[in-house]
């Protein structure tokens, strides 16, 4: 009787399947399966390369290093989730939270019209027309919000619209821990 050789191509599909299944299984047990990782948390906020949007001077790195907790919110007028989170930003502004807005890859007239229509929750606004600052900060897309402590360090990065639940469960606790 002749010995039969096992073809590697017969074993490869089940091995690939088992490897992929193990990867999915491990992914299900992550702390926050919806969270996007950020290498910036715990580090100083990156330098800003922004321009003026509307009247008044844009904020700068000195504003981010000033005492007190502040938020930096990347947004755009063409972003539907930005419109959805706007009420939450106004709630935080009414509570005394300082929020700096960075308008991301947007037409200035559209951005100013967005704020005129919905209200302006920002202490200061800047424009990132080329997306350079967003790239430095590690922004995946808008809206994206960063909680910055009084030393200019990033405490929390949240990607997505801030809902009431997110505000209560993620943003406010991060603001308290940054104080």
C-alpha atoms as a PDB file:
ATOM      1  CA  UNK A   1       0.000   0.000   0.000  1.00  0.00           C
ATOM      2  CA  UNK A   2       1.271   3.457  -0.949  1.00  0.00           C
ATOM      3  CA  UNK A   3       1.454   6.203   1.657  1.00  0.00           C
ATOM      4  CA  UNK A   4      -0.913   9.076   1.091  1.00  0.00           C
ATOM      5  CA  UNK A   5       0.481  12.560   1.468  1.00  0.00           C
ATOM      6  CA  UNK A   6      -1.656  15.194   3.105  1.00  0.00           C
ATOM      7  CA  UNK A   7      -1.995  18.200   0.871  1.00  0.00           C
ATOM      8  CA  UNK A   8      -1.329  21.506   2.704  1.00  0.00           C
ATOM      9  CA  UNK A   9      -4.181  23.123   0.809  1.00  0.00           C
ATOM     10  CA  UNK A  10      -6.603  20.789   2.585  1.00  0.00           C
ATOM     11  CA  UNK A  11      -5.444  21.916   6.016  1.00  0.00           C
ATOM     12  CA  UNK A  12      -5.076  25.619   5.303  1.00  0.00           C
ATOM     13  CA  UNK A  13      -8.810  26.613   5.157  1.00  0.00           C
ATOM     14  CA  UNK A  14      -9.722  25.068   8.543  1.00  0.00           C
ATOM     15  CA  UNK A  15      -6.638  26.646  10.142  1.00  0.00           C
ATOM     16  CA  UNK A  16      -7.521  30.075   8.735  1.00  0.00           C
ATOM     17  CA  UNK A  17     -11.084  29.676   9.951  1.00  0.00           C
ATOM     18  CA  UNK A  18      -9.946  28.767  13.485  1.00  0.00           C
ATOM     19  CA  UNK A  19      -7.548  31.725  13.572  1.00  0.00           C
ATOM     20  CA  UNK A  20     -10.241  34.147  12.446  1.00  0.00           C
ATOM     21  CA  UNK A  21     -12.763  32.702  14.918  1.00  0.00           C
ATOM     22  CA  UNK A  22     -10.243  33.125  17.757  1.00  0.00           C
ATOM     23  CA  UNK A  23      -9.636  36.738  16.724  1.00  0.00           C
ATOM     24  CA  UNK A  24     -13.372  37.500  16.726  1.00  0.00           C
ATOM     25  CA  UNK A  25     -13.825  35.774  20.094  1.00  0.00           C
ATOM     26  CA  UNK A  26     -11.054  37.855  21.707  1.00  0.00           C
ATOM     27  CA  UNK A  27     -12.522  41.035  20.172  1.00  0.00           C
ATOM     28  CA  UNK A  28     -15.896  40.376  21.793  1.00  0.00           C
ATOM     29  CA  UNK A  29     -14.356  40.616  25.266  1.00  0.00           C
ATOM     30  CA  UNK A  30     -12.727  44.023  24.853  1.00  0.00           C
ATOM     31  CA  UNK A  31     -13.607  46.662  27.469  1.00  0.00           C
ATOM     32  CA  UNK A  32     -15.259  48.945  24.934  1.00  0.00           C
ATOM     33  CA  UNK A  33     -15.871  47.163  21.631  1.00  0.00           C
ATOM     34  CA  UNK A  34     -17.255  50.355  20.059  1.00  0.00           C
ATOM     35  CA  UNK A  35     -14.379  52.559  21.207  1.00  0.00           C
ATOM     36  CA  UNK A  36     -11.669  53.673  18.839  1.00  0.00           C
ATOM     37  CA  UNK A  37      -8.188  53.627  20.361  1.00  0.00           C
ATOM     38  CA  UNK A  38      -6.284  56.868  20.779  1.00  0.00           C
ATOM     39  CA  UNK A  39      -2.568  57.204  21.328  1.00  0.00           C
ATOM     40  CA  UNK A  40      -3.064  60.825  22.377  1.00  0.00           C
ATOM     41  CA  UNK A  41      -4.803  60.160  25.717  1.00  0.00           C
ATOM     42  CA  UNK A  42      -2.432  61.081  28.529  1.00  0.00           C
ATOM     43  CA  UNK A  43      -0.258  63.207  26.254  1.00  0.00           C
ATOM     44  CA  UNK A  44      -0.099  66.932  25.679  1.00  0.00           C
ATOM     45  CA  UNK A  45      -2.530  68.274  23.118  1.00  0.00           C
ATOM     46  CA  UNK A  46      -0.772  68.565  19.738  1.00  0.00           C
ATOM     47  CA  UNK A  47       0.073  71.948  18.283  1.00  0.00           C
ATOM     48  CA  UNK A  48      -2.681  73.766  16.451  1.00  0.00           C
ATOM     49  CA  UNK A  49      -2.288  74.903  12.858  1.00  0.00           C
ATOM     50  CA  UNK A  50      -5.629  76.618  12.369  1.00  0.00           C
ATOM     51  CA  UNK A  51      -6.962  79.813  10.861  1.00  0.00           C
ATOM     52  CA  UNK A  52      -9.574  82.339  11.879  1.00  0.00           C
ATOM     53  CA  UNK A  53     -13.233  81.533  11.314  1.00  0.00           C
ATOM     54  CA  UNK A  54     -15.567  84.473  11.591  1.00  0.00           C
ATOM     55  CA  UNK A  55     -14.884  87.418  13.832  1.00  0.00           C
ATOM     56  CA  UNK A  56     -12.349  87.335  16.617  1.00  0.00           C
ATOM     57  CA  UNK A  57      -9.024  85.589  16.821  1.00  0.00           C
ATOM     58  CA  UNK A  58      -8.805  81.817  16.715  1.00  0.00           C
ATOM     59  CA  UNK A  59      -7.657  80.138  19.891  1.00  0.00           C
ATOM     60  CA  UNK A  60      -4.130  78.826  20.133  1.00  0.00           C
ATOM     61  CA  UNK A  61      -2.007  76.404  22.124  1.00  0.00           C
ATOM     62  CA  UNK A  62      -1.843  78.840  25.042  1.00  0.00           C
ATOM     63  CA  UNK A  63      -5.622  78.509  25.448  1.00  0.00           C
ATOM     64  CA  UNK A  64      -5.311  74.717  25.652  1.00  0.00           C
ATOM     65  CA  UNK A  65      -2.615  74.999  28.338  1.00  0.00           C
ATOM     66  CA  UNK A  66      -4.574  77.522  30.419  1.00  0.00           C
ATOM     67  CA  UNK A  67      -5.850  76.428  33.829  1.00  0.00           C
ATOM     68  CA  UNK A  68      -9.177  74.658  33.916  1.00  0.00           C
ATOM     69  CA  UNK A  69     -10.828  71.859  32.010  1.00  0.00           C
ATOM     70  CA  UNK A  70     -11.835  72.512  28.435  1.00  0.00           C
ATOM     71  CA  UNK A  71     -13.185  70.591  25.449  1.00  0.00           C
ATOM     72  CA  UNK A  72     -11.995  70.676  21.856  1.00  0.00           C
ATOM     73  CA  UNK A  73     -14.707  69.692  19.402  1.00  0.00           C
ATOM     74  CA  UNK A  74     -14.004  68.957  15.724  1.00  0.00           C
ATOM     75  CA  UNK A  75     -17.145  69.595  13.646  1.00  0.00           C
ATOM     76  CA  UNK A  76     -18.413  70.532  10.179  1.00  0.00           C
ATOM     77  CA  UNK A  77     -21.593  72.017   8.728  1.00  0.00           C
ATOM     78  CA  UNK A  78     -21.952  69.095   6.284  1.00  0.00           C
ATOM     79  CA  UNK A  79     -21.872  66.575   9.167  1.00  0.00           C
ATOM     80  CA  UNK A  80     -25.326  65.294  10.193  1.00  0.00           C
ATOM     81  CA  UNK A  81     -24.072  63.826  13.528  1.00  0.00           C
ATOM     82  CA  UNK A  82     -22.588  67.257  14.333  1.00  0.00           C
ATOM     83  CA  UNK A  83     -26.071  68.708  14.036  1.00  0.00           C
ATOM     84  CA  UNK A  84     -27.412  65.936  16.304  1.00  0.00           C
ATOM     85  CA  UNK A  85     -24.840  66.593  19.055  1.00  0.00           C
ATOM     86  CA  UNK A  86     -25.235  70.379  18.987  1.00  0.00           C
ATOM     87  CA  UNK A  87     -27.828  70.448  21.789  1.00  0.00           C
ATOM     88  CA  UNK A  88     -25.454  68.527  24.065  1.00  0.00           C
ATOM     89  CA  UNK A  89     -22.700  71.046  23.384  1.00  0.00           C
ATOM     90  CA  UNK A  90     -25.050  73.899  24.249  1.00  0.00           C
ATOM     91  CA  UNK A  91     -26.019  72.106  27.478  1.00  0.00           C
ATOM     92  CA  UNK A  92     -22.340  71.868  28.462  1.00  0.00           C
ATOM     93  CA  UNK A  93     -21.768  75.516  27.548  1.00  0.00           C
ATOM     94  CA  UNK A  94     -24.703  76.518  29.791  1.00  0.00           C
ATOM     95  CA  UNK A  95     -23.090  74.498  32.602  1.00  0.00           C
ATOM     96  CA  UNK A  96     -19.930  76.584  32.260  1.00  0.00           C
ATOM     97  CA  UNK A  97     -17.776  74.124  30.286  1.00  0.00           C
ATOM     98  CA  UNK A  98     -15.328  75.904  27.985  1.00  0.00           C
ATOM     99  CA  UNK A  99     -15.577  74.413  24.493  1.00  0.00           C
ATOM    100  CA  UNK A 100     -13.257  75.270  21.617  1.00  0.00           C
ATOM    101  CA  UNK A 101     -14.541  74.420  18.158  1.00  0.00           C
ATOM    102  CA  UNK A 102     -12.412  73.397  15.207  1.00  0.00           C
ATOM    103  CA  UNK A 103     -14.315  73.494  11.940  1.00  0.00           C
ATOM    104  CA  UNK A 104     -13.009  70.629   9.790  1.00  0.00           C
ATOM    105  CA  UNK A 105     -12.602  70.876   5.999  1.00  0.00           C
ATOM    106  CA  UNK A 106     -15.613  73.126   5.538  1.00  0.00           C
ATOM    107  CA  UNK A 107     -16.588  76.237   3.618  1.00  0.00           C
ATOM    108  CA  UNK A 108     -16.398  79.214   6.014  1.00  0.00           C
ATOM    109  CA  UNK A 109     -19.777  80.593   4.916  1.00  0.00           C
ATOM    110  CA  UNK A 110     -21.461  77.217   5.508  1.00  0.00           C
ATOM    111  CA  UNK A 111     -19.832  76.861   8.925  1.00  0.00           C
ATOM    112  CA  UNK A 112     -20.908  80.324  10.036  1.00  0.00           C
ATOM    113  CA  UNK A 113     -24.432  79.691   8.703  1.00  0.00           C
ATOM    114  CA  UNK A 114     -24.568  76.441  10.721  1.00  0.00           C
ATOM    115  CA  UNK A 115     -23.704  78.332  13.914  1.00  0.00           C
ATOM    116  CA  UNK A 116     -26.114  81.161  13.103  1.00  0.00           C
ATOM    117  CA  UNK A 117     -28.924  78.644  12.659  1.00  0.00           C
ATOM    118  CA  UNK A 118     -28.244  76.421  15.695  1.00  0.00           C
ATOM    119  CA  UNK A 119     -26.390  78.749  18.045  1.00  0.00           C
ATOM    120  CA  UNK A 120     -22.730  78.992  18.964  1.00  0.00           C
ATOM    121  CA  UNK A 121     -21.670  76.850  21.950  1.00  0.00           C
ATOM    122  CA  UNK A 122     -17.960  77.623  21.454  1.00  0.00           C
ATOM    123  CA  UNK A 123     -15.783  79.978  23.490  1.00  0.00           C
ATOM    124  CA  UNK A 124     -13.656  80.366  20.345  1.00  0.00           C
ATOM    125  CA  UNK A 125     -13.703  78.868  16.855  1.00  0.00           C
ATOM    126  CA  UNK A 126     -10.948  78.048  14.410  1.00  0.00           C
ATOM    127  CA  UNK A 127     -10.908  76.500  10.952  1.00  0.00           C
ATOM    128  CA  UNK A 128      -8.873  73.494   9.853  1.00  0.00           C
ATOM    129  CA  UNK A 129      -9.481  73.801   6.123  1.00  0.00           C
ATOM    130  CA  UNK A 130      -6.708  71.433   5.070  1.00  0.00           C
ATOM    131  CA  UNK A 131      -7.228  68.924   7.895  1.00  0.00           C
ATOM    132  CA  UNK A 132      -3.638  69.240   9.197  1.00  0.00           C
ATOM    133  CA  UNK A 133      -4.611  69.773  12.822  1.00  0.00           C
ATOM    134  CA  UNK A 134      -7.116  66.922  12.678  1.00  0.00           C
ATOM    135  CA  UNK A 135      -4.397  64.662  11.337  1.00  0.00           C
ATOM    136  CA  UNK A 136      -2.045  65.629  14.166  1.00  0.00           C
ATOM    137  CA  UNK A 137      -4.759  64.995  16.739  1.00  0.00           C
ATOM    138  CA  UNK A 138      -5.633  61.596  15.248  1.00  0.00           C
ATOM    139  CA  UNK A 139      -9.172  62.516  14.248  1.00  0.00           C
ATOM    140  CA  UNK A 140     -11.002  59.667  12.499  1.00  0.00           C
ATOM    141  CA  UNK A 141     -13.940  61.822  11.429  1.00  0.00           C
ATOM    142  CA  UNK A 142     -16.314  64.452  12.715  1.00  0.00           C
ATOM    143  CA  UNK A 143     -17.706  64.962  15.242  1.00  0.00           C
ATOM    144  CA  UNK A 144     -14.888  64.168  17.617  1.00  0.00           C
ATOM    145  CA  UNK A 145     -14.393  65.657  21.064  1.00  0.00           C
ATOM    146  CA  UNK A 146     -11.365  65.828  23.351  1.00  0.00           C
ATOM    147  CA  UNK A 147     -11.394  66.613  27.084  1.00  0.00           C
ATOM    148  CA  UNK A 148      -8.262  68.581  28.017  1.00  0.00           C
ATOM    149  CA  UNK A 149      -7.101  69.126  31.613  1.00  0.00           C
ATOM    150  CA  UNK A 150      -5.590  72.312  33.062  1.00  0.00           C
ATOM    151  CA  UNK A 151      -2.087  71.181  32.062  1.00  0.00           C
ATOM    152  CA  UNK A 152      -2.964  70.780  28.386  1.00  0.00           C
ATOM    153  CA  UNK A 153      -3.102  66.979  28.526  1.00  0.00           C
ATOM    154  CA  UNK A 154      -5.762  64.957  26.745  1.00  0.00           C
ATOM    155  CA  UNK A 155      -7.894  63.075  29.267  1.00  0.00           C
ATOM    156  CA  UNK A 156     -10.501  61.613  26.909  1.00  0.00           C
ATOM    157  CA  UNK A 157     -11.099  61.317  23.205  1.00  0.00           C
ATOM    158  CA  UNK A 158     -14.634  60.573  22.089  1.00  0.00           C
ATOM    159  CA  UNK A 159     -15.408  59.866  18.438  1.00  0.00           C
ATOM    160  CA  UNK A 160     -19.022  60.339  17.398  1.00  0.00           C
ATOM    161  CA  UNK A 161     -21.921  62.531  18.385  1.00  0.00           C
ATOM    162  CA  UNK A 162     -22.350  63.346  22.060  1.00  0.00           C
ATOM    163  CA  UNK A 163     -25.771  62.108  23.133  1.00  0.00           C
ATOM    164  CA  UNK A 164     -27.298  62.617  26.572  1.00  0.00           C
ATOM    165  CA  UNK A 165     -26.145  59.124  27.577  1.00  0.00           C
ATOM    166  CA  UNK A 166     -22.578  59.757  26.378  1.00  0.00           C
ATOM    167  CA  UNK A 167     -22.591  63.129  28.115  1.00  0.00           C
ATOM    168  CA  UNK A 168     -23.602  61.554  31.438  1.00  0.00           C
ATOM    169  CA  UNK A 169     -21.530  58.358  31.212  1.00  0.00           C
ATOM    170  CA  UNK A 170     -18.325  59.455  29.472  1.00  0.00           C
ATOM    171  CA  UNK A 171     -17.875  63.219  29.080  1.00  0.00           C
ATOM    172  CA  UNK A 172     -18.935  64.489  32.518  1.00  0.00           C
ATOM    173  CA  UNK A 173     -16.904  61.813  34.390  1.00  0.00           C
ATOM    174  CA  UNK A 174     -13.858  62.718  32.273  1.00  0.00           C
ATOM    175  CA  UNK A 175     -14.366  66.406  33.058  1.00  0.00           C
ATOM    176  CA  UNK A 176     -14.568  65.600  36.787  1.00  0.00           C
ATOM    177  CA  UNK A 177     -11.426  63.446  36.704  1.00  0.00           C
ATOM    178  CA  UNK A 178      -9.577  66.223  34.840  1.00  0.00           C
ATOM    179  CA  UNK A 179     -10.343  68.699  37.615  1.00  0.00           C
END
